[in-house]
Amino acid sequence: MAILAFITMPVFAQNQAPAQQNQEPDQEQHQQQNQGLEQPLQADASQPVKIPTALQWVQRLSNSLKILNFDTSFVVVRNNRAEPYRWLHGVDAGKEMEIITLLNGPRKESIRIENVVSYFESDNQPYSVIGPSISGPIPGALWGSLEKLQQTYDFIGVGKSRILGRPAQLIRLESKDKQRFGYWLWLDIQSGLLLKSAIISRDGELLEQVQFTHLSITEQSHDILKQLHSADLPKPVEKSEAKSDFSWAVNWLPQGFELQNANRNRLSNINENVESLLYNDGLVNVSVYVSRSEDAGRAPSVTQTGATVLLSQLRDGYEINVVGKIPANTALTIADSINFN
């Protein structure tokens, strides 16, 4: 099914009246999306005004991402290059559905219906997996429980600004152990949705950002999403328990990272196995790749694209690569902690 054929870049009318540009969610949705975020409509002189905490703001974002019907576009900016996406989300006939589509270049599209996520790319066979969110530019942790993130990140409310012509609240997620980058989130005060995000280094350098360029909130889900009820999507792949039987082990990771997957693939061009482990801390993925090599040992080298770091080293007859949105020093410590049996 060619969902992509239906998706085009929306037109953003600069002078459109707010009432025409964005429709308010119905009363029930409005009550749900503000659950846990206390914002009195009228000041009561006898009661102190309760200001929402940074955690409450992110909880509201998580709730809004699940219940609101919206059509939005955003660009991912890294290394002075921009990738445009369109994102549709809605609830129809009791099912939560969404589509995220890359608008430039070869086809890259992700579809989620409840907890089944399907991926379509021009150079790979389509496949589906079981999961609560799409793996892509928007961190999946923003959909789920925030308890794990609270163990490794501080939630800090900074202040208000204006993004996409809308009042926004800035929330910072700062790494408690300084082994991770910081995340800045600008949330729409009216709906709680994300309007902008940025990944910031420990030195305050902007590494990567997601800037939304259009947002429309509607009472009903988009017609494109309704078509998914009859879509022929790949059956989800059975996910096995994540465990490693490799002859090597990673002995250090920042607190909160847990093993998600272990793979072994043979590369035909070098006739060698490449073994990999995937870890996640709730917000960030880190992959570790190990393969045998007859090349002489060499000092670690680092390549960085936006916030993504690739650290490579050769030692003890193995090539080690660590990839993730983490500081280079963190990647090096992970690589150095690997020992071989």
C-alpha atoms as a PDB file:
ATOM      1  CA  MET A   1       0.000   0.000   0.000  1.00  0.00           C
ATOM      2  CA  ALA A   2       1.436   3.318  -1.044  1.00  0.00           C
ATOM      3  CA  ILE A   3       0.545   5.570   1.870  1.00  0.00           C
ATOM      4  CA  LEU A   4       3.262   7.956   0.731  1.00  0.00           C
ATOM      5  CA  ALA A   5       1.295   8.851  -2.389  1.00  0.00           C
ATOM      6  CA  PHE A   6      -1.317  10.556  -0.221  1.00  0.00           C
ATOM      7  CA  ILE A   7       1.147  12.647   1.776  1.00  0.00           C
ATOM      8  CA  THR A   8       2.128  16.114   0.622  1.00  0.00           C
ATOM      9  CA  MET A   9       3.726  19.070   2.360  1.00  0.00           C
ATOM     10  CA  PRO A  10       0.938  21.117   3.987  1.00  0.00           C
ATOM     11  CA  VAL A  11       0.509  24.770   3.118  1.00  0.00           C
ATOM     12  CA  PHE A  12       1.141  27.079   6.064  1.00  0.00           C
ATOM     13  CA  ALA A  13      -0.938  30.246   5.776  1.00  0.00           C
ATOM     14  CA  GLN A  14       0.955  33.036   7.491  1.00  0.00           C
ATOM     15  CA  ASN A  15      -2.055  35.279   8.054  1.00  0.00           C
ATOM     16  CA  GLN A  16      -4.586  32.623   8.869  1.00  0.00           C
ATOM     17  CA  ALA A  17      -6.705  33.383  11.928  1.00  0.00           C
ATOM     18  CA  PRO A  18      -5.997  31.102  14.900  1.00  0.00           C
ATOM     19  CA  ALA A  19      -9.551  29.786  14.892  1.00  0.00           C
ATOM     20  CA  GLN A  20      -9.087  28.598  11.298  1.00  0.00           C
ATOM     21  CA  GLN A  21      -5.540  27.338  11.635  1.00  0.00           C
ATOM     22  CA  ASN A  22      -6.070  25.125  14.679  1.00  0.00           C
ATOM     23  CA  GLN A  23      -9.277  23.618  15.942  1.00  0.00           C
ATOM     24  CA  GLU A  24      -9.634  23.152  19.674  1.00  0.00           C
ATOM     25  CA  PRO A  25      -9.967  19.562  20.945  1.00  0.00           C
ATOM     26  CA  ASP A  26     -13.362  18.686  22.370  1.00  0.00           C
ATOM     27  CA  GLN A  27     -14.054  19.232  26.056  1.00  0.00           C
ATOM     28  CA  GLU A  28     -13.263  15.661  27.072  1.00  0.00           C
ATOM     29  CA  GLN A  29      -9.903  15.726  25.289  1.00  0.00           C
ATOM     30  CA  HIS A  30      -9.146  19.126  26.794  1.00  0.00           C
ATOM     31  CA  GLN A  31      -9.725  17.773  30.266  1.00  0.00           C
ATOM     32  CA  GLN A  32      -7.600  14.692  29.570  1.00  0.00           C
ATOM     33  CA  GLN A  33      -4.648  16.560  28.112  1.00  0.00           C
ATOM     34  CA  ASN A  34      -4.455  18.867  31.126  1.00  0.00           C
ATOM     35  CA  GLN A  35      -4.570  16.036  33.645  1.00  0.00           C
ATOM     36  CA  GLY A  36      -1.813  16.545  36.173  1.00  0.00           C
ATOM     37  CA  LEU A  37      -1.144  20.128  35.047  1.00  0.00           C
ATOM     38  CA  GLU A  38      -2.793  22.571  37.401  1.00  0.00           C
ATOM     39  CA  GLN A  39      -3.544  25.840  35.642  1.00  0.00           C
ATOM     40  CA  PRO A  40      -6.432  27.704  37.306  1.00  0.00           C
ATOM     41  CA  LEU A  41      -8.517  29.666  34.847  1.00  0.00           C
ATOM     42  CA  GLN A  42      -9.096  32.449  37.360  1.00  0.00           C
ATOM     43  CA  ALA A  43      -6.865  33.645  40.126  1.00  0.00           C
ATOM     44  CA  ASP A  44      -8.233  33.150  43.627  1.00  0.00           C
ATOM     45  CA  ALA A  45      -6.850  35.675  46.078  1.00  0.00           C
ATOM     46  CA  SER A  46      -7.406  33.237  48.936  1.00  0.00           C
ATOM     47  CA  GLN A  47      -5.420  30.435  47.289  1.00  0.00           C
ATOM     48  CA  PRO A  48      -1.798  30.522  46.061  1.00  0.00           C
ATOM     49  CA  VAL A  49      -1.392  30.017  42.322  1.00  0.00           C
ATOM     50  CA  LYS A  50       0.050  26.563  41.636  1.00  0.00           C
ATOM     51  CA  ILE A  51       2.731  26.733  38.966  1.00  0.00           C
ATOM     52  CA  PRO A  52       3.190  23.462  37.018  1.00  0.00           C
ATOM     53  CA  THR A  53       6.514  21.754  37.568  1.00  0.00           C
ATOM     54  CA  ALA A  54       8.830  20.774  34.732  1.00  0.00           C
ATOM     55  CA  LEU A  55       7.886  17.131  35.276  1.00  0.00           C
ATOM     56  CA  GLN A  56       4.174  17.982  35.017  1.00  0.00           C
ATOM     57  CA  TRP A  57       4.813  19.749  31.718  1.00  0.00           C
ATOM     58  CA  VAL A  58       6.517  16.676  30.247  1.00  0.00           C
ATOM     59  CA  GLN A  59       3.746  14.449  31.623  1.00  0.00           C
ATOM     60  CA  ARG A  60       1.262  16.667  29.825  1.00  0.00           C
ATOM     61  CA  LEU A  61       3.301  16.327  26.611  1.00  0.00           C
ATOM     62  CA  SER A  62       3.235  12.531  26.953  1.00  0.00           C
ATOM     63  CA  ASN A  63      -0.545  12.591  27.402  1.00  0.00           C
ATOM     64  CA  SER A  64      -1.146  14.980  24.489  1.00  0.00           C
ATOM     65  CA  LEU A  65       0.942  12.822  22.151  1.00  0.00           C
ATOM     66  CA  LYS A  66      -1.430   9.932  22.842  1.00  0.00           C
ATOM     67  CA  ILE A  67      -4.879  11.526  22.717  1.00  0.00           C
ATOM     68  CA  LEU A  68      -4.810  14.476  20.302  1.00  0.00           C
ATOM     69  CA  ASN A  69      -5.520  14.401  16.576  1.00  0.00           C
ATOM     70  CA  PHE A  70      -2.863  16.487  14.864  1.00  0.00           C
ATOM     71  CA  ASP A  71      -1.178  17.095  11.518  1.00  0.00           C
ATOM     72  CA  THR A  72       2.268  18.641  11.805  1.00  0.00           C
ATOM     73  CA  SER A  73       5.481  19.153   9.853  1.00  0.00           C
ATOM     74  CA  PHE A  74       9.004  19.531  11.201  1.00  0.00           C
ATOM     75  CA  VAL A  75      12.615  19.674  10.054  1.00  0.00           C
ATOM     76  CA  VAL A  76      15.575  17.942  11.680  1.00  0.00           C
ATOM     77  CA  VAL A  77      18.617  20.235  11.482  1.00  0.00           C
ATOM     78  CA  ARG A  78      22.139  18.871  11.920  1.00  0.00           C
ATOM     79  CA  ASN A  79      25.447  20.053  10.476  1.00  0.00           C
ATOM     80  CA  ASN A  80      23.619  22.829   8.578  1.00  0.00           C
ATOM     81  CA  ARG A  81      21.476  20.261   6.760  1.00  0.00           C
ATOM     82  CA  ALA A  82      17.705  19.995   7.142  1.00  0.00           C
ATOM     83  CA  GLU A  83      15.490  16.927   6.697  1.00  0.00           C
ATOM     84  CA  PRO A  84      11.741  17.677   6.370  1.00  0.00           C
ATOM     85  CA  TYR A  85       9.121  15.335   7.827  1.00  0.00           C
ATOM     86  CA  ARG A  86       5.360  15.169   8.083  1.00  0.00           C
ATOM     87  CA  TRP A  87       3.704  13.641  11.139  1.00  0.00           C
ATOM     88  CA  LEU A  88       0.061  12.584  11.395  1.00  0.00           C
ATOM     89  CA  HIS A  89      -1.414  11.301  14.651  1.00  0.00           C
ATOM     90  CA  GLY A  90      -4.936  10.448  15.684  1.00  0.00           C
ATOM     91  CA  VAL A  91      -7.333   8.171  17.500  1.00  0.00           C
ATOM     92  CA  ASP A  92      -9.990   6.571  15.295  1.00  0.00           C
ATOM     93  CA  ALA A  93     -12.434   3.785  16.175  1.00  0.00           C
ATOM     94  CA  GLY A  94     -10.638   3.380  19.483  1.00  0.00           C
ATOM     95  CA  LYS A  95      -7.211   2.853  17.884  1.00  0.00           C
ATOM     96  CA  GLU A  96      -4.220   5.151  18.224  1.00  0.00           C
ATOM     97  CA  MET A  97      -2.452   5.599  14.876  1.00  0.00           C
ATOM     98  CA  GLU A  98       0.344   7.709  13.437  1.00  0.00           C
ATOM     99  CA  ILE A  99       2.512   8.136  10.351  1.00  0.00           C
ATOM    100  CA  ILE A 100       5.914   9.851  10.160  1.00  0.00           C
ATOM    101  CA  THR A 101       7.217  10.408   6.624  1.00  0.00           C
ATOM    102  CA  LEU A 102      10.510  11.822   5.325  1.00  0.00           C
ATOM    103  CA  LEU A 103       9.504  14.228   2.555  1.00  0.00           C
ATOM    104  CA  ASN A 104      12.812  14.450   0.638  1.00  0.00           C
ATOM    105  CA  GLY A 105      14.875  11.757  -1.041  1.00  0.00           C
ATOM    106  CA  PRO A 106      14.220   7.990  -1.036  1.00  0.00           C
ATOM    107  CA  ARG A 107      11.104   6.727   0.655  1.00  0.00           C
ATOM    108  CA  LYS A 108      11.303   6.491   4.441  1.00  0.00           C
ATOM    109  CA  GLU A 109       8.037   6.077   6.273  1.00  0.00           C
ATOM    110  CA  SER A 110       6.944   4.696   9.632  1.00  0.00           C
ATOM    111  CA  ILE A 111       3.409   3.665  10.580  1.00  0.00           C
ATOM    112  CA  ARG A 112       2.133   2.787  14.034  1.00  0.00           C
ATOM    113  CA  ILE A 113      -1.244   1.247  14.876  1.00  0.00           C
ATOM    114  CA  GLU A 114      -1.520   0.803  18.629  1.00  0.00           C
ATOM    115  CA  ASN A 115       1.630  -1.178  19.566  1.00  0.00           C
ATOM    116  CA  VAL A 116       2.575  -2.419  16.071  1.00  0.00           C
ATOM    117  CA  VAL A 117       5.139  -0.282  14.234  1.00  0.00           C
ATOM    118  CA  SER A 118       5.846  -0.819  10.530  1.00  0.00           C
ATOM    119  CA  TYR A 119       8.854   0.595   8.679  1.00  0.00           C
ATOM    120  CA  PHE A 120       9.077   1.232   4.929  1.00  0.00           C
ATOM    121  CA  GLU A 121      12.321   2.202   3.185  1.00  0.00           C
ATOM    122  CA  SER A 122      13.118   2.222  -0.525  1.00  0.00           C
ATOM    123  CA  ASP A 123      16.185  -0.037  -0.208  1.00  0.00           C
ATOM    124  CA  ASN A 124      14.903  -2.499   2.436  1.00  0.00           C
ATOM    125  CA  GLN A 125      12.053  -4.955   2.773  1.00  0.00           C
ATOM    126  CA  PRO A 126       9.148  -3.588   4.873  1.00  0.00           C
ATOM    127  CA  TYR A 127       8.926  -5.026   8.376  1.00  0.00           C
ATOM    128  CA  SER A 128       6.930  -4.595  11.581  1.00  0.00           C
ATOM    129  CA  VAL A 129       7.856  -4.821  15.253  1.00  0.00           C
ATOM    130  CA  ILE A 130       6.002  -4.649  18.543  1.00  0.00           C
ATOM    131  CA  GLY A 131       6.653  -1.355  20.325  1.00  0.00           C
ATOM    132  CA  PRO A 132       4.983   1.635  21.981  1.00  0.00           C
ATOM    133  CA  SER A 133       6.464   4.261  19.647  1.00  0.00           C
ATOM    134  CA  ILE A 134       8.177   4.891  16.328  1.00  0.00           C
ATOM    135  CA  SER A 135      11.965   4.855  16.326  1.00  0.00           C
ATOM    136  CA  GLY A 136      12.880   8.136  14.679  1.00  0.00           C
ATOM    137  CA  PRO A 137      13.543  11.843  15.166  1.00  0.00           C
ATOM    138  CA  ILE A 138      11.126  12.168  18.129  1.00  0.00           C
ATOM    139  CA  PRO A 139      12.420  10.301  21.232  1.00  0.00           C
ATOM    140  CA  GLY A 140      10.085   7.450  22.100  1.00  0.00           C
ATOM    141  CA  ALA A 141      10.536   8.117  25.818  1.00  0.00           C
ATOM    142  CA  LEU A 142       8.214  11.113  25.508  1.00  0.00           C
ATOM    143  CA  TRP A 143       5.282   8.714  25.028  1.00  0.00           C
ATOM    144  CA  GLY A 144       5.834   6.455  27.997  1.00  0.00           C
ATOM    145  CA  SER A 145       6.547   6.430  31.682  1.00  0.00           C
ATOM    146  CA  LEU A 146       8.946   9.113  32.816  1.00  0.00           C
ATOM    147  CA  GLU A 147      10.064   7.269  35.950  1.00  0.00           C
ATOM    148  CA  LYS A 148      13.194   5.879  34.292  1.00  0.00           C
ATOM    149  CA  LEU A 149      14.179   9.277  32.894  1.00  0.00           C
ATOM    150  CA  GLN A 150      13.884  10.832  36.348  1.00  0.00           C
ATOM    151  CA  GLN A 151      16.642   8.517  37.573  1.00  0.00           C
ATOM    152  CA  THR A 152      19.203   9.918  35.134  1.00  0.00           C
ATOM    153  CA  TYR A 153      17.903  13.359  34.093  1.00  0.00           C
ATOM    154  CA  ASP A 154      16.899  16.473  36.019  1.00  0.00           C
ATOM    155  CA  PHE A 155      13.731  18.181  34.744  1.00  0.00           C
ATOM    156  CA  ILE A 156      14.152  21.961  34.827  1.00  0.00           C
ATOM    157  CA  GLY A 157      11.556  24.588  33.943  1.00  0.00           C
ATOM    158  CA  VAL A 158      13.307  27.567  32.352  1.00  0.00           C
ATOM    159  CA  GLY A 159      10.752  30.056  31.076  1.00  0.00           C
ATOM    160  CA  LYS A 160       8.404  30.952  28.291  1.00  0.00           C
ATOM    161  CA  SER A 161       9.119  31.928  24.698  1.00  0.00           C
ATOM    162  CA  ARG A 162       7.384  32.036  21.315  1.00  0.00           C
ATOM    163  CA  ILE A 163       7.737  29.180  18.830  1.00  0.00           C
ATOM    164  CA  LEU A 164       5.768  28.822  15.586  1.00  0.00           C
ATOM    165  CA  GLY A 165       3.822  31.920  16.563  1.00  0.00           C
ATOM    166  CA  ARG A 166       2.563  30.187  19.711  1.00  0.00           C
ATOM    167  CA  PRO A 167       3.395  30.701  23.414  1.00  0.00           C
ATOM    168  CA  ALA A 168       5.741  27.926  24.522  1.00  0.00           C
ATOM    169  CA  GLN A 169       7.219  26.625  27.771  1.00  0.00           C
ATOM    170  CA  LEU A 170      10.903  25.639  27.737  1.00  0.00           C
ATOM    171  CA  ILE A 171      11.845  22.513  29.709  1.00  0.00           C
ATOM    172  CA  ARG A 172      15.432  21.285  30.033  1.00  0.00           C
ATOM    173  CA  LEU A 173      16.435  17.666  30.659  1.00  0.00           C
ATOM    174  CA  GLU A 174      19.939  17.709  32.117  1.00  0.00           C
ATOM    175  CA  SER A 175      22.050  14.584  32.666  1.00  0.00           C
ATOM    176  CA  LYS A 176      22.684  13.965  36.360  1.00  0.00           C
ATOM    177  CA  ASP A 177      26.002  12.213  35.761  1.00  0.00           C
ATOM    178  CA  LYS A 178      27.231  14.483  32.911  1.00  0.00           C
ATOM    179  CA  GLN A 179      27.726  11.407  30.718  1.00  0.00           C
ATOM    180  CA  ARG A 180      24.928  12.434  28.328  1.00  0.00           C
ATOM    181  CA  PHE A 181      23.886  15.445  26.321  1.00  0.00           C
ATOM    182  CA  GLY A 182      21.113  17.748  27.487  1.00  0.00           C
ATOM    183  CA  TYR A 183      17.694  17.932  25.824  1.00  0.00           C
ATOM    184  CA  TRP A 184      15.675  21.137  25.573  1.00  0.00           C
ATOM    185  CA  LEU A 185      11.943  20.902  24.855  1.00  0.00           C
ATOM    186  CA  TRP A 186       9.673  23.795  23.872  1.00  0.00           C
ATOM    187  CA  LEU A 187       6.051  22.795  24.609  1.00  0.00           C
ATOM    188  CA  ASP A 188       2.918  24.460  23.285  1.00  0.00           C
ATOM    189  CA  ILE A 189       1.170  26.079  26.248  1.00  0.00           C
ATOM    190  CA  GLN A 190      -2.258  25.634  24.638  1.00  0.00           C
ATOM    191  CA  SER A 191      -2.063  21.941  23.702  1.00  0.00           C
ATOM    192  CA  GLY A 192       1.031  20.597  25.467  1.00  0.00           C
ATOM    193  CA  LEU A 193       2.492  19.343  22.170  1.00  0.00           C
ATOM    194  CA  LEU A 194       6.117  19.638  21.131  1.00  0.00           C
ATOM    195  CA  LEU A 195       7.022  22.719  19.054  1.00  0.00           C
ATOM    196  CA  LYS A 196      10.810  22.442  19.090  1.00  0.00           C
ATOM    197  CA  SER A 197      13.572  20.345  20.629  1.00  0.00           C
ATOM    198  CA  ALA A 198      17.340  20.660  20.785  1.00  0.00           C
ATOM    199  CA  ILE A 199      20.277  18.519  21.866  1.00  0.00           C
ATOM    200  CA  ILE A 200      22.866  20.582  23.732  1.00  0.00           C
ATOM    201  CA  SER A 201      26.450  19.631  24.616  1.00  0.00           C
ATOM    202  CA  ARG A 202      27.889  20.072  28.117  1.00  0.00           C
ATOM    203  CA  ASP A 203      29.564  23.261  26.837  1.00  0.00           C
ATOM    204  CA  GLY A 204      26.218  24.688  25.725  1.00  0.00           C
ATOM    205  CA  GLU A 205      26.767  24.019  22.016  1.00  0.00           C
ATOM    206  CA  LEU A 206      23.701  23.341  19.870  1.00  0.00           C
ATOM    207  CA  LEU A 207      24.307  19.950  18.241  1.00  0.00           C
ATOM    208  CA  GLU A 208      20.971  19.080  16.686  1.00  0.00           C
ATOM    209  CA  GLN A 209      17.433  20.417  16.689  1.00  0.00           C
ATOM    210  CA  VAL A 210      13.913  19.588  15.585  1.00  0.00           C
ATOM    211  CA  GLN A 211      11.932  22.663  14.518  1.00  0.00           C
ATOM    212  CA  PHE A 212       8.207  22.344  13.816  1.00  0.00           C
ATOM    213  CA  THR A 213       6.973  24.378  10.861  1.00  0.00           C
ATOM    214  CA  HIS A 214       3.225  23.674  10.919  1.00  0.00           C
ATOM    215  CA  LEU A 215       0.715  22.431  13.477  1.00  0.00           C
ATOM    216  CA  SER A 216      -2.977  21.715  13.078  1.00  0.00           C
ATOM    217  CA  ILE A 217      -5.060  20.147  15.854  1.00  0.00           C
ATOM    218  CA  THR A 218      -8.478  18.784  14.864  1.00  0.00           C
ATOM    219  CA  GLU A 219     -11.467  17.106  16.471  1.00  0.00           C
ATOM    220  CA  GLN A 220     -11.366  14.176  14.048  1.00  0.00           C
ATOM    221  CA  SER A 221      -8.393  12.130  12.866  1.00  0.00           C
ATOM    222  CA  HIS A 222      -7.055  12.728   9.354  1.00  0.00           C
ATOM    223  CA  ASP A 223      -8.567  10.761   6.451  1.00  0.00           C
ATOM    224  CA  ILE A 224      -5.156   9.255   5.667  1.00  0.00           C
ATOM    225  CA  LEU A 225      -5.127   7.634   9.119  1.00  0.00           C
ATOM    226  CA  LYS A 226      -8.609   6.206   8.589  1.00  0.00           C
ATOM    227  CA  GLN A 227      -7.251   4.285   5.584  1.00  0.00           C
ATOM    228  CA  LEU A 228      -4.911   2.373   7.887  1.00  0.00           C
ATOM    229  CA  HIS A 229      -7.837   0.292   9.172  1.00  0.00           C
ATOM    230  CA  SER A 230      -7.738  -1.631   5.874  1.00  0.00           C
ATOM    231  CA  ALA A 231      -4.006  -1.383   5.201  1.00  0.00           C
ATOM    232  CA  ASP A 232      -2.023  -4.532   4.423  1.00  0.00           C
ATOM    233  CA  LEU A 233       0.961  -4.155   6.740  1.00  0.00           C
ATOM    234  CA  PRO A 234       3.759  -6.666   7.446  1.00  0.00           C
ATOM    235  CA  LYS A 235       3.211  -9.011  10.349  1.00  0.00           C
ATOM    236  CA  PRO A 236       5.301  -8.081  13.394  1.00  0.00           C
ATOM    237  CA  VAL A 237       8.570  -9.921  13.917  1.00  0.00           C
ATOM    238  CA  GLU A 238       8.770 -11.974  17.093  1.00  0.00           C
ATOM    239  CA  LYS A 239      11.104 -10.239  19.525  1.00  0.00           C
ATOM    240  CA  SER A 240      13.336 -12.590  21.484  1.00  0.00           C
ATOM    241  CA  GLU A 241      14.788 -11.913  24.900  1.00  0.00           C
ATOM    242  CA  ALA A 242      17.774  -9.574  24.698  1.00  0.00           C
ATOM    243  CA  LYS A 243      20.856 -11.501  25.799  1.00  0.00           C
ATOM    244  CA  SER A 244      24.415 -11.885  24.598  1.00  0.00           C
ATOM    245  CA  ASP A 245      26.452 -15.075  24.184  1.00  0.00           C
ATOM    246  CA  PHE A 246      29.393 -13.241  22.638  1.00  0.00           C
ATOM    247  CA  SER A 247      33.020 -13.802  23.628  1.00  0.00           C
ATOM    248  CA  TRP A 248      33.262 -10.173  24.702  1.00  0.00           C
ATOM    249  CA  ALA A 249      31.407  -7.979  27.147  1.00  0.00           C
ATOM    250  CA  VAL A 250      30.787  -4.306  27.858  1.00  0.00           C
ATOM    251  CA  ASN A 251      31.737  -3.704  31.486  1.00  0.00           C
ATOM    252  CA  TRP A 252      30.741  -0.050  31.832  1.00  0.00           C
ATOM    253  CA  LEU A 253      27.793   2.057  30.728  1.00  0.00           C
ATOM    254  CA  PRO A 254      26.287   5.214  32.222  1.00  0.00           C
ATOM    255  CA  GLN A 255      23.598   4.497  34.814  1.00  0.00           C
ATOM    256  CA  GLY A 256      20.214   3.684  33.325  1.00  0.00           C
ATOM    257  CA  PHE A 257      21.331   2.024  30.077  1.00  0.00           C
ATOM    258  CA  GLU A 258      19.806  -1.409  29.579  1.00  0.00           C
ATOM    259  CA  LEU A 259      20.397  -4.050  26.898  1.00  0.00           C
ATOM    260  CA  GLN A 260      17.674  -4.001  24.239  1.00  0.00           C
ATOM    261  CA  ASN A 261      19.007  -6.267  21.501  1.00  0.00           C
ATOM    262  CA  ALA A 262      21.947  -8.485  20.470  1.00  0.00           C
ATOM    263  CA  ASN A 263      22.740  -9.352  16.850  1.00  0.00           C
ATOM    264  CA  ARG A 264      25.323 -11.266  14.845  1.00  0.00           C
ATOM    265  CA  ASN A 265      25.633 -10.584  11.099  1.00  0.00           C
ATOM    266  CA  ARG A 266      28.156 -11.823   8.542  1.00  0.00           C
ATOM    267  CA  LEU A 267      29.608  -9.247   6.171  1.00  0.00           C
ATOM    268  CA  SER A 268      30.196 -10.890   2.783  1.00  0.00           C
ATOM    269  CA  ASN A 269      32.853  -8.408   1.689  1.00  0.00           C
ATOM    270  CA  ILE A 270      35.182  -9.307   4.576  1.00  0.00           C
ATOM    271  CA  ASN A 271      33.719 -12.753   5.424  1.00  0.00           C
ATOM    272  CA  GLU A 272      33.617 -11.866   9.103  1.00  0.00           C
ATOM    273  CA  ASN A 273      30.923 -11.743  11.739  1.00  0.00           C
ATOM    274  CA  VAL A 274      29.962  -8.378  13.181  1.00  0.00           C
ATOM    275  CA  GLU A 275      28.402  -8.667  16.625  1.00  0.00           C
ATOM    276  CA  SER A 276      26.409  -5.818  18.070  1.00  0.00           C
ATOM    277  CA  LEU A 277      24.661  -4.826  21.287  1.00  0.00           C
ATOM    278  CA  LEU A 278      22.001  -2.121  21.500  1.00  0.00           C
ATOM    279  CA  TYR A 279      21.439  -0.239  24.768  1.00  0.00           C
ATOM    280  CA  ASN A 280      18.879   2.406  25.735  1.00  0.00           C
ATOM    281  CA  ASP A 281      18.456   4.690  28.752  1.00  0.00           C
ATOM    282  CA  GLY A 282      14.864   5.652  27.934  1.00  0.00           C
ATOM    283  CA  LEU A 283      15.917   8.579  25.751  1.00  0.00           C
ATOM    284  CA  VAL A 284      19.122   7.615  23.937  1.00  0.00           C
ATOM    285  CA  ASN A 285      20.215   4.539  21.952  1.00  0.00           C
ATOM    286  CA  VAL A 286      23.857   3.404  22.050  1.00  0.00           C
ATOM    287  CA  SER A 287      25.117   0.623  19.763  1.00  0.00           C
ATOM    288  CA  VAL A 288      28.376  -1.289  20.204  1.00  0.00           C
ATOM    289  CA  TYR A 289      29.804  -3.213  17.206  1.00  0.00           C
ATOM    290  CA  VAL A 290      32.705  -5.673  17.460  1.00  0.00           C
ATOM    291  CA  SER A 291      34.445  -7.688  14.708  1.00  0.00           C
ATOM    292  CA  ARG A 292      37.783  -9.448  14.336  1.00  0.00           C
ATOM    293  CA  SER A 293      40.521  -7.558  12.506  1.00  0.00           C
ATOM    294  CA  GLU A 294      44.063  -8.361  11.426  1.00  0.00           C
ATOM    295  CA  ASP A 295      44.983  -4.689  11.152  1.00  0.00           C
ATOM    296  CA  ALA A 296      47.457  -3.183  13.578  1.00  0.00           C
ATOM    297  CA  GLY A 297      46.082  -1.434  16.629  1.00  0.00           C
ATOM    298  CA  ARG A 298      45.404   2.274  16.355  1.00  0.00           C
ATOM    299  CA  ALA A 299      44.335   5.117  18.588  1.00  0.00           C
ATOM    300  CA  PRO A 300      40.595   5.825  18.814  1.00  0.00           C
ATOM    301  CA  SER A 301      39.095   8.108  16.165  1.00  0.00           C
ATOM    302  CA  VAL A 302      35.872  10.086  16.474  1.00  0.00           C
ATOM    303  CA  THR A 303      33.421  11.218  13.794  1.00  0.00           C
ATOM    304  CA  GLN A 304      30.422  13.323  14.780  1.00  0.00           C
ATOM    305  CA  THR A 305      27.302  14.188  12.772  1.00  0.00           C
ATOM    306  CA  GLY A 306      25.009  16.485  14.688  1.00  0.00           C
ATOM    307  CA  ALA A 307      24.648  14.830  18.081  1.00  0.00           C
ATOM    308  CA  THR A 308      25.569  11.333  16.819  1.00  0.00           C
ATOM    309  CA  VAL A 309      29.090  10.218  17.711  1.00  0.00           C
ATOM    310  CA  LEU A 310      30.941   7.337  16.030  1.00  0.00           C
ATOM    311  CA  LEU A 311      34.017   6.215  17.952  1.00  0.00           C
ATOM    312  CA  SER A 312      36.255   3.569  16.370  1.00  0.00           C
ATOM    313  CA  GLN A 313      39.302   1.791  17.773  1.00  0.00           C
ATOM    314  CA  LEU A 314      41.447  -1.265  16.972  1.00  0.00           C
ATOM    315  CA  ARG A 315      42.918  -3.291  19.808  1.00  0.00           C
ATOM    316  CA  ASP A 316      43.553  -6.898  20.805  1.00  0.00           C
ATOM    317  CA  GLY A 317      42.783  -8.063  17.254  1.00  0.00           C
ATOM    318  CA  TYR A 318      39.293  -6.548  17.193  1.00  0.00           C
ATOM    319  CA  GLU A 319      37.662  -3.487  15.672  1.00  0.00           C
ATOM    320  CA  ILE A 320      35.305  -1.726  18.109  1.00  0.00           C
ATOM    321  CA  ASN A 321      32.735   0.883  17.107  1.00  0.00           C
ATOM    322  CA  VAL A 322      30.465   2.770  19.505  1.00  0.00           C
ATOM    323  CA  VAL A 323      27.616   4.802  18.002  1.00  0.00           C
ATOM    324  CA  GLY A 324      25.092   7.017  19.785  1.00  0.00           C
ATOM    325  CA  LYS A 325      24.014  10.498  20.753  1.00  0.00           C
ATOM    326  CA  ILE A 326      26.488  10.678  23.611  1.00  0.00           C
ATOM    327  CA  PRO A 327      29.680  12.677  24.280  1.00  0.00           C
ATOM    328  CA  ALA A 328      32.892  11.310  22.739  1.00  0.00           C
ATOM    329  CA  ASN A 329      34.428  10.768  26.190  1.00  0.00           C
ATOM    330  CA  THR A 330      31.469   8.594  27.176  1.00  0.00           C
ATOM    331  CA  ALA A 331      31.801   6.547  23.979  1.00  0.00           C
ATOM    332  CA  LEU A 332      35.537   6.087  24.623  1.00  0.00           C
ATOM    333  CA  THR A 333      34.943   4.888  28.190  1.00  0.00           C
ATOM    334  CA  ILE A 334      32.403   2.352  26.892  1.00  0.00           C
ATOM    335  CA  ALA A 335      34.863   1.080  24.257  1.00  0.00           C
ATOM    336  CA  ASP A 336      37.740   0.879  26.743  1.00  0.00           C
ATOM    337  CA  SER A 337      35.589  -1.163  29.148  1.00  0.00           C
ATOM    338  CA  ILE A 338      35.167  -4.032  26.655  1.00  0.00           C
ATOM    339  CA  ASN A 339      37.149  -7.175  27.421  1.00  0.00           C
ATOM    340  CA  PHE A 340      37.529 -10.354  25.387  1.00  0.00           C
ATOM    341  CA  ASN A 341      37.354 -13.908  26.695  1.00  0.00           C
END
